[in-house]
Amino acid sequence: MDIEKISYTPEMVDGLHQSVMLYKALLDQAKKETDSIEKAYELADHVYQNKIRSAQ
């Protein structure tokens, strides 16, 4: 499947936007709680992936 050929519905665009905003909020908080950007991304990734798994 070629991702560039996918037709995005308004609902898909909204869902992607919400996902990005959620990740940004997690990353912003992780930056406050960690002492390096690498650790902040690791923490944000971990929490985001757990949220996605629990939503399934």
C-alpha atoms as a PDB file:
ATOM      1  CA  MET A   1       0.000   0.000   0.000  1.00  0.00           C
ATOM      2  CA  ASP A   2       1.326   3.405  -0.935  1.00  0.00           C
ATOM      3  CA  ILE A   3       0.527   5.814   1.912  1.00  0.00           C
ATOM      4  CA  GLU A   4       0.596   8.800  -0.446  1.00  0.00           C
ATOM      5  CA  LYS A   5      -2.386   7.385  -2.348  1.00  0.00           C
ATOM      6  CA  ILE A   6      -4.656   7.108   0.688  1.00  0.00           C
ATOM      7  CA  SER A   7      -7.677   9.407   0.723  1.00  0.00           C
ATOM      8  CA  TYR A   8      -7.950  10.946   4.155  1.00  0.00           C
ATOM      9  CA  THR A   9     -11.461  11.607   5.372  1.00  0.00           C
ATOM     10  CA  PRO A  10     -12.092  14.527   7.724  1.00  0.00           C
ATOM     11  CA  GLU A  11     -12.515  12.011  10.555  1.00  0.00           C
ATOM     12  CA  MET A  12      -9.105  10.491   9.816  1.00  0.00           C
ATOM     13  CA  VAL A  13      -7.476  13.923   9.737  1.00  0.00           C
ATOM     14  CA  ASP A  14      -9.137  14.800  13.046  1.00  0.00           C
ATOM     15  CA  GLY A  15      -7.971  11.531  14.589  1.00  0.00           C
ATOM     16  CA  LEU A  16      -4.402  12.123  13.414  1.00  0.00           C
ATOM     17  CA  HIS A  17      -4.503  15.667  14.764  1.00  0.00           C
ATOM     18  CA  GLN A  18      -5.725  14.425  18.142  1.00  0.00           C
ATOM     19  CA  SER A  19      -2.953  11.812  18.225  1.00  0.00           C
ATOM     20  CA  VAL A  20      -0.313  14.444  17.511  1.00  0.00           C
ATOM     21  CA  MET A  21      -1.706  16.768  20.173  1.00  0.00           C
ATOM     22  CA  LEU A  22      -1.767  13.935  22.727  1.00  0.00           C
ATOM     23  CA  TYR A  23       1.831  13.006  21.959  1.00  0.00           C
ATOM     24  CA  LYS A  24       2.906  16.658  22.185  1.00  0.00           C
ATOM     25  CA  ALA A  25       1.269  16.989  25.613  1.00  0.00           C
ATOM     26  CA  LEU A  26       2.980  13.789  26.790  1.00  0.00           C
ATOM     27  CA  LEU A  27       6.346  14.974  25.461  1.00  0.00           C
ATOM     28  CA  ASP A  28       5.989  18.400  27.073  1.00  0.00           C
ATOM     29  CA  GLN A  29       5.286  16.773  30.435  1.00  0.00           C
ATOM     30  CA  ALA A  30       8.104  14.251  29.982  1.00  0.00           C
ATOM     31  CA  LYS A  31      10.540  17.107  29.301  1.00  0.00           C
ATOM     32  CA  LYS A  32       9.633  18.557  32.704  1.00  0.00           C
ATOM     33  CA  GLU A  33      10.142  15.213  34.443  1.00  0.00           C
ATOM     34  CA  THR A  34      13.435  14.121  32.877  1.00  0.00           C
ATOM     35  CA  ASP A  35      16.918  15.548  32.595  1.00  0.00           C
ATOM     36  CA  SER A  36      17.539  14.919  28.885  1.00  0.00           C
ATOM     37  CA  ILE A  37      15.596  15.125  25.654  1.00  0.00           C
ATOM     38  CA  GLU A  38      16.382  11.486  24.894  1.00  0.00           C
ATOM     39  CA  LYS A  39      14.840  10.351  28.168  1.00  0.00           C
ATOM     40  CA  ALA A  40      11.855  12.613  27.551  1.00  0.00           C
ATOM     41  CA  TYR A  41      11.203  10.984  24.171  1.00  0.00           C
ATOM     42  CA  GLU A  42      11.631   7.506  25.666  1.00  0.00           C
ATOM     43  CA  LEU A  43       9.112   8.302  28.407  1.00  0.00           C
ATOM     44  CA  ALA A  44       6.629   9.933  26.034  1.00  0.00           C
ATOM     45  CA  ASP A  45       6.930   6.998  23.608  1.00  0.00           C
ATOM     46  CA  HIS A  46       6.385   4.499  26.403  1.00  0.00           C
ATOM     47  CA  VAL A  47       3.276   6.246  27.736  1.00  0.00           C
ATOM     48  CA  TYR A  48       1.846   6.868  24.250  1.00  0.00           C
ATOM     49  CA  GLN A  49       2.305   3.231  23.217  1.00  0.00           C
ATOM     50  CA  ASN A  50       0.631   2.046  26.419  1.00  0.00           C
ATOM     51  CA  LYS A  51      -2.323   4.358  25.773  1.00  0.00           C
ATOM     52  CA  ILE A  52      -2.662   3.004  22.224  1.00  0.00           C
ATOM     53  CA  ARG A  53      -2.494  -0.597  23.465  1.00  0.00           C
ATOM     54  CA  SER A  54      -5.095   0.023  26.168  1.00  0.00           C
ATOM     55  CA  ALA A  55      -7.434   1.679  23.656  1.00  0.00           C
ATOM     56  CA  GLN A  56      -7.389  -1.456  21.497  1.00  0.00           C
END
